Amino acid sequence: MKIKTDYIFPEQYRLMAEEYISYKHSLGFIFGYDDQKKCDQLLRYLYTNSPTNDVTDLTNKLVDGYLEQFNGSKPRTVHANQSYIRQYGLFLKQRGYAPYIYPATLIRCPKDFTPYIFSKAEIYRIFNCADQIGPNKNKFVNTPYIYPAIHRLLYASGSRIGETVSLKTEDVNLSDGIITFHNGKNNVSRMLPISDSLTAYLRKYDSRVDRTGNAYFFPSLNGECYSPITIRNTFRKLMIQAKISILPTGNYPRIHDLRHTFAVHSLEQSIDQGLDPYCSLPSLSTYMGHRGVESTEYYLRLTKHYFINVLHYTQTQADIIFPEV
C-alpha cells in the first residue's frame, strides 16, 4: 500500500494544484510540503474571490487583491509573493490560458544583509546541544539520532536544508563517502565527496536509525521526510541552549548560516594550507552547487570580515591575504 505524503488540497481545485506541482517538479524544483501549503493559500484565494470560482481566472484585480494581503510586510516577503503569483501566471499561460501576468519588475529587496558566521567554538556548542535531544512528543525513536546528524551534515557539506532533508537512502553512498543531491536550487545536481570523519559518523547514524520501509535518509513518520520548518524551529531552540547571542536585528542566526559558515571555514582552511583563496573558488563553487563562481565570490568578503572580527587579524594583514583584484 502506497502512503500518500503530499499536501491534501480541496477537491475543488485539486487537479490544477497537482498539475502545477508536476510542472514545478519538471523544472527541477523539490516543491515539498511547505511549498504545497503556499500553493494552497494562493489557489484558495483565487477560488474564493473569482466570480466563477475558477483558479485559472487570474485577472489583474485578483492579483492585486492577493498581494494586498502582504502590504506592510518585509520587502523579502512582498518580493517572494510577487514572484510566486507571477510564476503561477506563467504556468497558466504555458497551459493555454490567458492570465494576467505580474510584471517582472518585482519590489527590490535590500542587499545589505550579512550572514552570521559561527565560530568553531559555537559550532561545537551547537553540536553538543543537538546531541542532548531526546525522543519527540510522539516518542519517535529516531529523533535523538536525526537532529545531530542533520546539523553536522549541513555544516560539514554546506548543503541547503531543503535538499538535505530530501535525501533518499540510495543518494548517500557511505561505502565511498559520496552524497548525491538531485535537482537542487537552479536545477543543479551534484555529487559531493565528504570527509572521512563525517562518513564514519553517518555510518554510525545509519546503523542506529529505524526506517521500517521509509526511503528517506532522515526518515520522519508515515513514510515522509522531515520538514525544513521543523528543523529550523529546532535550530532556534539550539541557539538558546548553546548560548548564541541575539543579533543586532533582534533575531538569532538562521540555519542557512551554517552553509555560509561552511564556505568561510573552507576558505580559511585553504589559507591555512598556503593556498590562494581565489584559486579555491571554482572548486568551492561547484561543491556548493552555485551556477558560477560569481555567486561564491561573495564569501571572500565574508571571509575577510571573519578574519578581522573573529580571528582578530589586523586590517593590514587581511588586505595582504585578500588583495584587491
C-alpha atoms as a PDB file:
ATOM      1  CA  MET A   1       0.000   0.000   0.000  1.00  0.00           C
ATOM      2  CA  LYS A   2       1.443   3.383  -1.065  1.00  0.00           C
ATOM      3  CA  ILE A   3       1.426   6.046   1.633  1.00  0.00           C
ATOM      4  CA  LYS A   4       0.310   9.460   0.412  1.00  0.00           C
ATOM      5  CA  THR A   5       2.773  12.084   1.603  1.00  0.00           C
ATOM      6  CA  ASP A   6       1.686  15.169  -0.347  1.00  0.00           C
ATOM      7  CA  TYR A   7      -0.365  18.060   0.931  1.00  0.00           C
ATOM      8  CA  ILE A   8      -4.110  17.349   0.637  1.00  0.00           C
ATOM      9  CA  PHE A   9      -5.810  20.012  -1.482  1.00  0.00           C
ATOM     10  CA  PRO A  10      -9.563  20.693  -1.526  1.00  0.00           C
ATOM     11  CA  GLU A  11     -11.323  18.734  -4.246  1.00  0.00           C
ATOM     12  CA  GLN A  12     -12.499  21.924  -5.973  1.00  0.00           C
ATOM     13  CA  TYR A  13      -9.012  22.727  -7.304  1.00  0.00           C
ATOM     14  CA  ARG A  14      -7.002  19.601  -6.507  1.00  0.00           C
ATOM     15  CA  LEU A  15      -6.368  18.674 -10.155  1.00  0.00           C
ATOM     16  CA  MET A  16      -4.974  22.101 -11.012  1.00  0.00           C
ATOM     17  CA  ALA A  17      -2.804  22.048  -7.888  1.00  0.00           C
ATOM     18  CA  GLU A  18      -1.366  18.660  -8.782  1.00  0.00           C
ATOM     19  CA  GLU A  19      -0.760  19.805 -12.352  1.00  0.00           C
ATOM     20  CA  TYR A  20       1.122  22.844 -11.071  1.00  0.00           C
ATOM     21  CA  ILE A  21       3.208  20.705  -8.718  1.00  0.00           C
ATOM     22  CA  SER A  22       4.095  18.364 -11.593  1.00  0.00           C
ATOM     23  CA  TYR A  23       5.090  21.410 -13.633  1.00  0.00           C
ATOM     24  CA  LYS A  24       7.415  22.632 -10.876  1.00  0.00           C
ATOM     25  CA  HIS A  25       8.919  19.162 -10.488  1.00  0.00           C
ATOM     26  CA  SER A  26       9.608  19.092 -14.231  1.00  0.00           C
ATOM     27  CA  LEU A  27      11.667  22.259 -13.805  1.00  0.00           C
ATOM     28  CA  GLY A  28      13.764  20.601 -11.121  1.00  0.00           C
ATOM     29  CA  PHE A  29      12.152  22.163  -8.038  1.00  0.00           C
ATOM     30  CA  ILE A  30      11.640  19.945  -4.988  1.00  0.00           C
ATOM     31  CA  PHE A  31       8.324  21.654  -4.093  1.00  0.00           C
ATOM     32  CA  GLY A  32       7.791  19.957  -0.771  1.00  0.00           C
ATOM     33  CA  TYR A  33       5.040  20.176   1.809  1.00  0.00           C
ATOM     34  CA  ASP A  34       5.617  23.829   2.701  1.00  0.00           C
ATOM     35  CA  ASP A  35       5.614  24.854  -0.968  1.00  0.00           C
ATOM     36  CA  GLN A  36       2.372  22.955  -1.479  1.00  0.00           C
ATOM     37  CA  LYS A  37       0.842  24.707   1.515  1.00  0.00           C
ATOM     38  CA  LYS A  38       1.772  28.045  -0.083  1.00  0.00           C
ATOM     39  CA  CYS A  39       0.208  26.877  -3.332  1.00  0.00           C
ATOM     40  CA  ASP A  40      -3.000  26.069  -1.453  1.00  0.00           C
ATOM     41  CA  GLN A  41      -3.031  29.578   0.020  1.00  0.00           C
ATOM     42  CA  LEU A  42      -2.938  31.099  -3.464  1.00  0.00           C
ATOM     43  CA  LEU A  43      -5.448  28.750  -5.063  1.00  0.00           C
ATOM     44  CA  ARG A  44      -7.834  29.082  -2.133  1.00  0.00           C
ATOM     45  CA  TYR A  45      -7.783  32.861  -2.540  1.00  0.00           C
ATOM     46  CA  LEU A  46      -8.411  32.621  -6.286  1.00  0.00           C
ATOM     47  CA  TYR A  47     -11.199  30.084  -5.870  1.00  0.00           C
ATOM     48  CA  THR A  48     -12.904  32.132  -3.154  1.00  0.00           C
ATOM     49  CA  ASN A  49     -12.623  35.501  -4.857  1.00  0.00           C
ATOM     50  CA  SER A  50     -13.103  34.607  -8.520  1.00  0.00           C
ATOM     51  CA  PRO A  51     -16.691  35.307  -9.716  1.00  0.00           C
ATOM     52  CA  THR A  52     -16.646  31.889 -11.380  1.00  0.00           C
ATOM     53  CA  ASN A  53     -14.727  30.007  -8.642  1.00  0.00           C
ATOM     54  CA  ASP A  54     -12.099  29.261 -11.278  1.00  0.00           C
ATOM     55  CA  VAL A  55      -8.447  29.128 -10.170  1.00  0.00           C
ATOM     56  CA  THR A  56      -7.332  29.699 -13.767  1.00  0.00           C
ATOM     57  CA  ASP A  57      -9.152  33.039 -13.821  1.00  0.00           C
ATOM     58  CA  LEU A  58      -6.067  35.078 -12.941  1.00  0.00           C
ATOM     59  CA  THR A  59      -7.112  38.685 -13.508  1.00  0.00           C
ATOM     60  CA  ASN A  60      -5.311  41.914 -12.686  1.00  0.00           C
ATOM     61  CA  LYS A  61      -7.856  42.598  -9.927  1.00  0.00           C
ATOM     62  CA  LEU A  62      -7.365  39.183  -8.301  1.00  0.00           C
ATOM     63  CA  VAL A  63      -3.585  39.504  -8.428  1.00  0.00           C
ATOM     64  CA  ASP A  64      -3.690  42.935  -6.814  1.00  0.00           C
ATOM     65  CA  GLY A  65      -6.121  41.674  -4.182  1.00  0.00           C
ATOM     66  CA  TYR A  66      -3.926  38.729  -3.316  1.00  0.00           C
ATOM     67  CA  LEU A  67      -0.824  40.882  -2.968  1.00  0.00           C
ATOM     68  CA  GLU A  68      -2.641  43.461  -0.838  1.00  0.00           C
ATOM     69  CA  GLN A  69      -2.618  40.867   1.957  1.00  0.00           C
ATOM     70  CA  PHE A  70       1.136  41.408   2.269  1.00  0.00           C
ATOM     71  CA  ASN A  71       1.123  45.204   2.425  1.00  0.00           C
ATOM     72  CA  GLY A  72       3.280  46.254   5.332  1.00  0.00           C
ATOM     73  CA  SER A  73       5.261  43.005   5.277  1.00  0.00           C
ATOM     74  CA  LYS A  74       9.031  42.904   4.921  1.00  0.00           C
ATOM     75  CA  PRO A  75      10.315  43.589   1.380  1.00  0.00           C
ATOM     76  CA  ARG A  76      11.526  39.994   1.049  1.00  0.00           C
ATOM     77  CA  THR A  77       8.042  38.675   1.874  1.00  0.00           C
ATOM     78  CA  VAL A  78       6.418  41.007  -0.654  1.00  0.00           C
ATOM     79  CA  HIS A  79       9.031  40.089  -3.264  1.00  0.00           C
ATOM     80  CA  ALA A  80       8.509  36.348  -2.682  1.00  0.00           C
ATOM     81  CA  ASN A  81       4.728  36.617  -3.124  1.00  0.00           C
ATOM     82  CA  GLN A  82       5.017  38.792  -6.209  1.00  0.00           C
ATOM     83  CA  SER A  83       7.359  36.221  -7.699  1.00  0.00           C
ATOM     84  CA  TYR A  84       5.082  33.353  -6.674  1.00  0.00           C
ATOM     85  CA  ILE A  85       1.951  34.714  -8.342  1.00  0.00           C
ATOM     86  CA  ARG A  86       3.966  35.714 -11.418  1.00  0.00           C
ATOM     87  CA  GLN A  87       5.273  32.142 -11.759  1.00  0.00           C
ATOM     88  CA  TYR A  88       1.744  30.786 -11.462  1.00  0.00           C
ATOM     89  CA  GLY A  89       0.639  33.149 -14.225  1.00  0.00           C
ATOM     90  CA  LEU A  90       3.447  31.962 -16.495  1.00  0.00           C
ATOM     91  CA  PHE A  91       2.381  28.380 -15.809  1.00  0.00           C
ATOM     92  CA  LEU A  92      -1.219  29.159 -16.827  1.00  0.00           C
ATOM     93  CA  LYS A  93      -0.056  30.879 -19.997  1.00  0.00           C
ATOM     94  CA  GLN A  94       2.004  27.824 -20.935  1.00  0.00           C
ATOM     95  CA  ARG A  95      -1.125  25.721 -20.458  1.00  0.00           C
ATOM     96  CA  GLY A  96      -3.042  27.822 -22.986  1.00  0.00           C
ATOM     97  CA  TYR A  97      -4.922  30.163 -20.664  1.00  0.00           C
ATOM     98  CA  ALA A  98      -4.891  33.957 -20.913  1.00  0.00           C
ATOM     99  CA  PRO A  99      -3.929  35.079 -17.396  1.00  0.00           C
ATOM    100  CA  TYR A 100      -2.735  38.434 -16.188  1.00  0.00           C
ATOM    101  CA  ILE A 101       0.991  38.024 -15.518  1.00  0.00           C
ATOM    102  CA  TYR A 102       2.514  40.143 -12.813  1.00  0.00           C
ATOM    103  CA  PRO A 103       5.391  42.256 -14.221  1.00  0.00           C
ATOM    104  CA  ALA A 104       8.957  41.030 -13.931  1.00  0.00           C
ATOM    105  CA  THR A 105       9.926  44.248 -12.121  1.00  0.00           C
ATOM    106  CA  LEU A 106       9.374  42.955  -8.595  1.00  0.00           C
ATOM    107  CA  ILE A 107       9.960  45.013  -5.473  1.00  0.00           C
ATOM    108  CA  ARG A 108      13.657  45.218  -4.732  1.00  0.00           C
ATOM    109  CA  CYS A 109      14.995  43.554  -1.615  1.00  0.00           C
ATOM    110  CA  PRO A 110      17.692  45.179   0.494  1.00  0.00           C
ATOM    111  CA  LYS A 111      21.133  43.747  -0.274  1.00  0.00           C
ATOM    112  CA  ASP A 112      22.901  44.842   2.883  1.00  0.00           C
ATOM    113  CA  PHE A 113      22.148  41.613   4.760  1.00  0.00           C
ATOM    114  CA  THR A 114      25.224  39.989   6.257  1.00  0.00           C
ATOM    115  CA  PRO A 115      25.036  36.294   7.204  1.00  0.00           C
ATOM    116  CA  TYR A 116      26.243  35.217  10.611  1.00  0.00           C
ATOM    117  CA  ILE A 117      29.480  33.229  10.626  1.00  0.00           C
ATOM    118  CA  PHE A 118      29.694  30.884  13.585  1.00  0.00           C
ATOM    119  CA  SER A 119      32.995  30.441  15.345  1.00  0.00           C
ATOM    120  CA  LYS A 120      34.241  26.895  15.695  1.00  0.00           C
ATOM    121  CA  ALA A 121      33.588  27.056  19.426  1.00  0.00           C
ATOM    122  CA  GLU A 122      29.961  27.959  18.711  1.00  0.00           C
ATOM    123  CA  ILE A 123      29.664  25.075  16.244  1.00  0.00           C
ATOM    124  CA  TYR A 124      30.884  22.658  18.915  1.00  0.00           C
ATOM    125  CA  ARG A 125      28.323  24.009  21.376  1.00  0.00           C
ATOM    126  CA  ILE A 126      25.513  23.619  18.839  1.00  0.00           C
ATOM    127  CA  PHE A 127      26.506  20.017  18.159  1.00  0.00           C
ATOM    128  CA  ASN A 128      26.734  19.275  21.863  1.00  0.00           C
ATOM    129  CA  CYS A 129      23.208  20.623  22.436  1.00  0.00           C
ATOM    130  CA  ALA A 130      21.882  18.677  19.448  1.00  0.00           C
ATOM    131  CA  ASP A 131      23.361  15.521  20.967  1.00  0.00           C
ATOM    132  CA  GLN A 132      21.163  16.050  24.046  1.00  0.00           C
ATOM    133  CA  ILE A 133      17.877  15.960  22.086  1.00  0.00           C
ATOM    134  CA  GLY A 134      15.604  13.096  23.157  1.00  0.00           C
ATOM    135  CA  PRO A 135      12.510  11.470  21.581  1.00  0.00           C
ATOM    136  CA  ASN A 136       9.785  13.917  20.474  1.00  0.00           C
ATOM    137  CA  LYS A 137       6.220  14.102  21.792  1.00  0.00           C
ATOM    138  CA  ASN A 138       5.282  11.130  19.596  1.00  0.00           C
ATOM    139  CA  LYS A 139       8.103   9.114  21.185  1.00  0.00           C
ATOM    140  CA  PHE A 140       9.696   8.852  17.753  1.00  0.00           C
ATOM    141  CA  VAL A 141      12.795   6.730  18.362  1.00  0.00           C
ATOM    142  CA  ASN A 142      14.802   8.305  15.524  1.00  0.00           C
ATOM    143  CA  THR A 143      14.659  11.872  16.816  1.00  0.00           C
ATOM    144  CA  PRO A 144      17.797  11.687  19.031  1.00  0.00           C
ATOM    145  CA  TYR A 145      19.823  10.447  16.041  1.00  0.00           C
ATOM    146  CA  ILE A 146      18.417  12.615  13.251  1.00  0.00           C
ATOM    147  CA  TYR A 147      18.959  16.125  14.606  1.00  0.00           C
ATOM    148  CA  PRO A 148      22.664  15.678  15.448  1.00  0.00           C
ATOM    149  CA  ALA A 149      23.273  14.064  12.047  1.00  0.00           C
ATOM    150  CA  ILE A 150      21.408  16.719  10.035  1.00  0.00           C
ATOM    151  CA  HIS A 151      23.193  19.605  11.721  1.00  0.00           C
ATOM    152  CA  ARG A 152      26.600  18.018  11.232  1.00  0.00           C
ATOM    153  CA  LEU A 153      25.873  17.366   7.563  1.00  0.00           C
ATOM    154  CA  LEU A 154      24.647  20.937   6.991  1.00  0.00           C
ATOM    155  CA  TYR A 155      27.827  22.381   8.460  1.00  0.00           C
ATOM    156  CA  ALA A 156      30.303  19.864   7.064  1.00  0.00           C
ATOM    157  CA  SER A 157      28.963  19.893   3.482  1.00  0.00           C
ATOM    158  CA  GLY A 158      27.422  23.352   3.130  1.00  0.00           C
ATOM    159  CA  SER A 159      24.218  21.764   1.850  1.00  0.00           C
ATOM    160  CA  ARG A 160      20.850  23.520   1.870  1.00  0.00           C
ATOM    161  CA  ILE A 161      18.215  22.387   4.339  1.00  0.00           C
ATOM    162  CA  GLY A 162      15.638  21.511   1.662  1.00  0.00           C
ATOM    163  CA  GLU A 163      17.938  19.277  -0.349  1.00  0.00           C
ATOM    164  CA  THR A 164      19.310  17.714   2.827  1.00  0.00           C
ATOM    165  CA  VAL A 165      16.001  16.516   4.268  1.00  0.00           C
ATOM    166  CA  SER A 166      15.006  15.274   0.780  1.00  0.00           C
ATOM    167  CA  LEU A 167      17.944  12.880   0.546  1.00  0.00           C
ATOM    168  CA  LYS A 168      16.972   9.275  -0.109  1.00  0.00           C
ATOM    169  CA  THR A 169      18.993   6.438   1.378  1.00  0.00           C
ATOM    170  CA  GLU A 170      20.152   5.500  -2.104  1.00  0.00           C
ATOM    171  CA  ASP A 171      21.638   9.003  -2.507  1.00  0.00           C
ATOM    172  CA  VAL A 172      24.054   8.505   0.401  1.00  0.00           C
ATOM    173  CA  ASN A 173      26.947   6.225  -0.517  1.00  0.00           C
ATOM    174  CA  LEU A 174      28.641   5.541   2.786  1.00  0.00           C
ATOM    175  CA  SER A 175      30.995   2.986   1.285  1.00  0.00           C
ATOM    176  CA  ASP A 176      32.760   5.610  -0.833  1.00  0.00           C
ATOM    177  CA  GLY A 177      31.798   8.699   1.158  1.00  0.00           C
ATOM    178  CA  ILE A 178      29.789  10.375  -1.601  1.00  0.00           C
ATOM    179  CA  ILE A 179      26.395  12.091  -1.356  1.00  0.00           C
ATOM    180  CA  THR A 180      24.303  12.900  -4.422  1.00  0.00           C
ATOM    181  CA  PHE A 181      21.908  15.858  -4.353  1.00  0.00           C
ATOM    182  CA  HIS A 182      19.351  15.744  -7.159  1.00  0.00           C
ATOM    183  CA  ASN A 183      17.820  18.822  -8.795  1.00  0.00           C
ATOM    184  CA  GLY A 184      18.727  21.339  -6.144  1.00  0.00           C
ATOM    185  CA  LYS A 185      18.465  25.103  -6.447  1.00  0.00           C
ATOM    186  CA  ASN A 186      18.932  26.349 -10.033  1.00  0.00           C
ATOM    187  CA  ASN A 187      18.143  22.763 -11.118  1.00  0.00           C
ATOM    188  CA  VAL A 188      21.721  21.754 -10.282  1.00  0.00           C
ATOM    189  CA  SER A 189      22.530  18.161  -9.290  1.00  0.00           C
ATOM    190  CA  ARG A 190      25.892  17.384  -7.763  1.00  0.00           C
ATOM    191  CA  MET A 191      27.901  14.590  -6.167  1.00  0.00           C
ATOM    192  CA  LEU A 192      29.766  15.602  -3.023  1.00  0.00           C
ATOM    193  CA  PRO A 193      32.694  13.716  -1.544  1.00  0.00           C
ATOM    194  CA  ILE A 194      32.518  14.069   2.228  1.00  0.00           C
ATOM    195  CA  SER A 195      35.248  13.813   4.839  1.00  0.00           C
ATOM    196  CA  ASP A 196      36.266  10.540   6.431  1.00  0.00           C
ATOM    197  CA  SER A 197      35.099  11.767   9.841  1.00  0.00           C
ATOM    198  CA  LEU A 198      31.643  12.720   8.544  1.00  0.00           C
ATOM    199  CA  THR A 199      31.389   9.438   6.640  1.00  0.00           C
ATOM    200  CA  ALA A 200      32.218   7.495   9.818  1.00  0.00           C
ATOM    201  CA  TYR A 201      29.644   9.492  11.786  1.00  0.00           C
ATOM    202  CA  LEU A 202      26.903   8.916   9.204  1.00  0.00           C
ATOM    203  CA  ARG A 203      27.684   5.195   9.115  1.00  0.00           C
ATOM    204  CA  LYS A 204      27.127   5.064  12.861  1.00  0.00           C
ATOM    205  CA  TYR A 205      23.920   7.078  12.461  1.00  0.00           C
ATOM    206  CA  ASP A 206      22.734   4.802   9.647  1.00  0.00           C
ATOM    207  CA  SER A 207      23.246   1.719  11.798  1.00  0.00           C
ATOM    208  CA  ARG A 208      21.030   3.140  14.563  1.00  0.00           C
ATOM    209  CA  VAL A 209      18.127   4.767  12.727  1.00  0.00           C
ATOM    210  CA  ASP A 210      14.962   2.725  12.192  1.00  0.00           C
ATOM    211  CA  ARG A 211      13.428   3.315   8.751  1.00  0.00           C
ATOM    212  CA  THR A 212      10.971   0.382   8.512  1.00  0.00           C
ATOM    213  CA  GLY A 213      10.488   0.894   4.789  1.00  0.00           C
ATOM    214  CA  ASN A 214      10.934   4.677   4.729  1.00  0.00           C
ATOM    215  CA  ALA A 215      13.091   5.626   1.709  1.00  0.00           C
ATOM    216  CA  TYR A 216      14.453   8.857   3.199  1.00  0.00           C
ATOM    217  CA  PHE A 217      17.880   9.039   4.790  1.00  0.00           C
ATOM    218  CA  PHE A 218      16.377  11.217   7.538  1.00  0.00           C
ATOM    219  CA  PRO A 219      13.005   9.470   7.980  1.00  0.00           C
ATOM    220  CA  SER A 220      10.015  11.047   9.644  1.00  0.00           C
ATOM    221  CA  LEU A 221       6.704   9.390  10.479  1.00  0.00           C
ATOM    222  CA  ASN A 222       4.324   7.909   7.885  1.00  0.00           C
ATOM    223  CA  GLY A 223       6.930   7.441   5.187  1.00  0.00           C
ATOM    224  CA  GLU A 224       7.751  11.147   4.987  1.00  0.00           C
ATOM    225  CA  CYS A 225      10.941  13.167   5.292  1.00  0.00           C
ATOM    226  CA  TYR A 226      11.486  15.859   7.875  1.00  0.00           C
ATOM    227  CA  SER A 227      10.021  19.289   7.096  1.00  0.00           C
ATOM    228  CA  PRO A 228      12.584  22.127   6.752  1.00  0.00           C
ATOM    229  CA  ILE A 229      10.371  24.194   9.068  1.00  0.00           C
ATOM    230  CA  THR A 230      10.676  21.547  11.802  1.00  0.00           C
ATOM    231  CA  ILE A 231      14.465  21.613  11.502  1.00  0.00           C
ATOM    232  CA  ARG A 232      14.538  25.427  11.533  1.00  0.00           C
ATOM    233  CA  ASN A 233      12.361  25.583  14.647  1.00  0.00           C
ATOM    234  CA  THR A 234      14.635  23.144  16.448  1.00  0.00           C
ATOM    235  CA  PHE A 235      17.677  25.133  15.340  1.00  0.00           C
ATOM    236  CA  ARG A 236      16.273  28.253  17.012  1.00  0.00           C
ATOM    237  CA  LYS A 237      15.960  26.320  20.269  1.00  0.00           C
ATOM    238  CA  LEU A 238      19.549  25.147  19.890  1.00  0.00           C
ATOM    239  CA  MET A 239      20.658  28.781  19.551  1.00  0.00           C
ATOM    240  CA  ILE A 240      19.276  29.495  23.001  1.00  0.00           C
ATOM    241  CA  GLN A 241      20.643  26.309  24.559  1.00  0.00           C
ATOM    242  CA  ALA A 242      24.084  26.876  23.012  1.00  0.00           C
ATOM    243  CA  LYS A 243      24.076  30.458  24.350  1.00  0.00           C
ATOM    244  CA  ILE A 244      24.423  32.031  20.910  1.00  0.00           C
ATOM    245  CA  SER A 245      23.818  35.756  21.238  1.00  0.00           C
ATOM    246  CA  ILE A 246      20.877  37.511  19.609  1.00  0.00           C
ATOM    247  CA  LEU A 247      21.941  39.613  16.613  1.00  0.00           C
ATOM    248  CA  PRO A 248      21.502  43.414  16.455  1.00  0.00           C
ATOM    249  CA  THR A 249      18.424  42.739  14.289  1.00  0.00           C
ATOM    250  CA  GLY A 250      16.738  41.120  17.292  1.00  0.00           C
ATOM    251  CA  ASN A 251      16.853  37.667  15.688  1.00  0.00           C
ATOM    252  CA  TYR A 252      19.015  34.621  16.204  1.00  0.00           C
ATOM    253  CA  PRO A 253      21.256  33.331  13.385  1.00  0.00           C
ATOM    254  CA  ARG A 254      19.444  31.186  10.814  1.00  0.00           C
ATOM    255  CA  ILE A 255      20.111  27.566   9.983  1.00  0.00           C
ATOM    256  CA  HIS A 256      21.159  28.725   6.488  1.00  0.00           C
ATOM    257  CA  ASP A 257      24.064  30.489   8.188  1.00  0.00           C
ATOM    258  CA  LEU A 258      25.622  27.043   8.638  1.00  0.00           C
ATOM    259  CA  ARG A 259      26.040  26.997   4.853  1.00  0.00           C
ATOM    260  CA  HIS A 260      27.698  30.425   4.904  1.00  0.00           C
ATOM    261  CA  THR A 261      29.903  29.269   7.771  1.00  0.00           C
ATOM    262  CA  PHE A 262      30.954  26.182   5.809  1.00  0.00           C
ATOM    263  CA  ALA A 263      32.095  28.384   2.912  1.00  0.00           C
ATOM    264  CA  VAL A 264      34.054  30.779   5.107  1.00  0.00           C
ATOM    265  CA  HIS A 265      35.677  27.993   7.134  1.00  0.00           C
ATOM    266  CA  SER A 266      36.592  26.181   3.899  1.00  0.00           C
ATOM    267  CA  LEU A 267      38.326  29.284   2.580  1.00  0.00           C
ATOM    268  CA  GLU A 268      40.020  29.741   5.946  1.00  0.00           C
ATOM    269  CA  GLN A 269      41.333  26.165   5.720  1.00  0.00           C
ATOM    270  CA  SER A 270      42.672  26.863   2.224  1.00  0.00           C
ATOM    271  CA  ILE A 271      44.530  29.909   3.528  1.00  0.00           C
ATOM    272  CA  ASP A 272      45.955  27.924   6.453  1.00  0.00           C
ATOM    273  CA  GLN A 273      47.275  25.402   3.920  1.00  0.00           C
ATOM    274  CA  GLY A 274      49.017  28.184   1.995  1.00  0.00           C
ATOM    275  CA  LEU A 275      46.608  28.241  -0.927  1.00  0.00           C
ATOM    276  CA  ASP A 276      45.395  31.363  -2.688  1.00  0.00           C
ATOM    277  CA  PRO A 277      41.703  31.731  -1.699  1.00  0.00           C
ATOM    278  CA  TYR A 278      40.870  32.950  -5.204  1.00  0.00           C
ATOM    279  CA  CYS A 279      42.207  29.710  -6.669  1.00  0.00           C
ATOM    280  CA  SER A 280      39.929  27.750  -4.324  1.00  0.00           C
ATOM    281  CA  LEU A 281      36.773  29.485  -5.518  1.00  0.00           C
ATOM    282  CA  PRO A 282      35.979  27.342  -8.607  1.00  0.00           C
ATOM    283  CA  SER A 283      36.102  24.120  -6.598  1.00  0.00           C
ATOM    284  CA  LEU A 284      34.070  25.613  -3.756  1.00  0.00           C
ATOM    285  CA  SER A 285      31.549  26.999  -6.257  1.00  0.00           C
ATOM    286  CA  THR A 286      31.000  23.563  -7.807  1.00  0.00           C
ATOM    287  CA  TYR A 287      30.828  21.876  -4.404  1.00  0.00           C
ATOM    288  CA  MET A 288      28.154  24.291  -3.180  1.00  0.00           C
ATOM    289  CA  GLY A 289      26.048  23.976  -6.330  1.00  0.00           C
ATOM    290  CA  HIS A 290      26.384  27.586  -7.457  1.00  0.00           C
ATOM    291  CA  ARG A 291      25.703  28.483 -11.080  1.00  0.00           C
ATOM    292  CA  GLY A 292      29.019  30.254 -11.380  1.00  0.00           C
ATOM    293  CA  VAL A 293      31.996  31.443  -9.389  1.00  0.00           C
ATOM    294  CA  GLU A 294      30.445  34.920  -9.109  1.00  0.00           C
ATOM    295  CA  SER A 295      27.981  33.586  -6.534  1.00  0.00           C
ATOM    296  CA  THR A 296      30.840  32.210  -4.458  1.00  0.00           C
ATOM    297  CA  GLU A 297      32.997  35.361  -4.597  1.00  0.00           C
ATOM    298  CA  TYR A 298      30.595  36.827  -2.046  1.00  0.00           C
ATOM    299  CA  TYR A 299      32.165  34.518   0.534  1.00  0.00           C
ATOM    300  CA  LEU A 300      35.562  36.135   0.062  1.00  0.00           C
ATOM    301  CA  ARG A 301      34.164  39.337   1.561  1.00  0.00           C
ATOM    302  CA  LEU A 302      32.654  37.340   4.426  1.00  0.00           C
ATOM    303  CA  THR A 303      35.978  35.576   4.968  1.00  0.00           C
ATOM    304  CA  LYS A 304      37.847  38.868   5.155  1.00  0.00           C
ATOM    305  CA  HIS A 305      35.297  40.132   7.665  1.00  0.00           C
ATOM    306  CA  TYR A 306      35.663  36.868   9.618  1.00  0.00           C
ATOM    307  CA  PHE A 307      39.450  37.152   9.728  1.00  0.00           C
ATOM    308  CA  ILE A 308      39.276  40.692  11.101  1.00  0.00           C
ATOM    309  CA  ASN A 309      36.379  40.345  13.534  1.00  0.00           C
ATOM    310  CA  VAL A 310      36.626  36.722  14.705  1.00  0.00           C
ATOM    311  CA  LEU A 311      40.232  35.686  14.213  1.00  0.00           C
ATOM    312  CA  HIS A 312      41.427  39.208  15.124  1.00  0.00           C
ATOM    313  CA  TYR A 313      43.655  39.825  12.140  1.00  0.00           C
ATOM    314  CA  THR A 314      44.550  43.452  11.543  1.00  0.00           C
ATOM    315  CA  GLN A 315      43.183  45.284   8.508  1.00  0.00           C
ATOM    316  CA  THR A 316      46.687  45.286   7.023  1.00  0.00           C
ATOM    317  CA  GLN A 317      47.066  41.531   7.485  1.00  0.00           C
ATOM    318  CA  ALA A 318      43.642  40.915   5.947  1.00  0.00           C
ATOM    319  CA  ASP A 319      44.459  43.151   2.977  1.00  0.00           C
ATOM    320  CA  ILE A 320      47.563  41.076   2.305  1.00  0.00           C
ATOM    321  CA  ILE A 321      45.553  37.848   2.352  1.00  0.00           C
ATOM    322  CA  PHE A 322      42.718  39.350   0.288  1.00  0.00           C
ATOM    323  CA  PRO A 323      44.314  41.784  -2.182  1.00  0.00           C
ATOM    324  CA  GLU A 324      42.138  43.961  -4.415  1.00  0.00           C
ATOM    325  CA  VAL A 325      41.665  42.499  -7.911  1.00  0.00           C
END
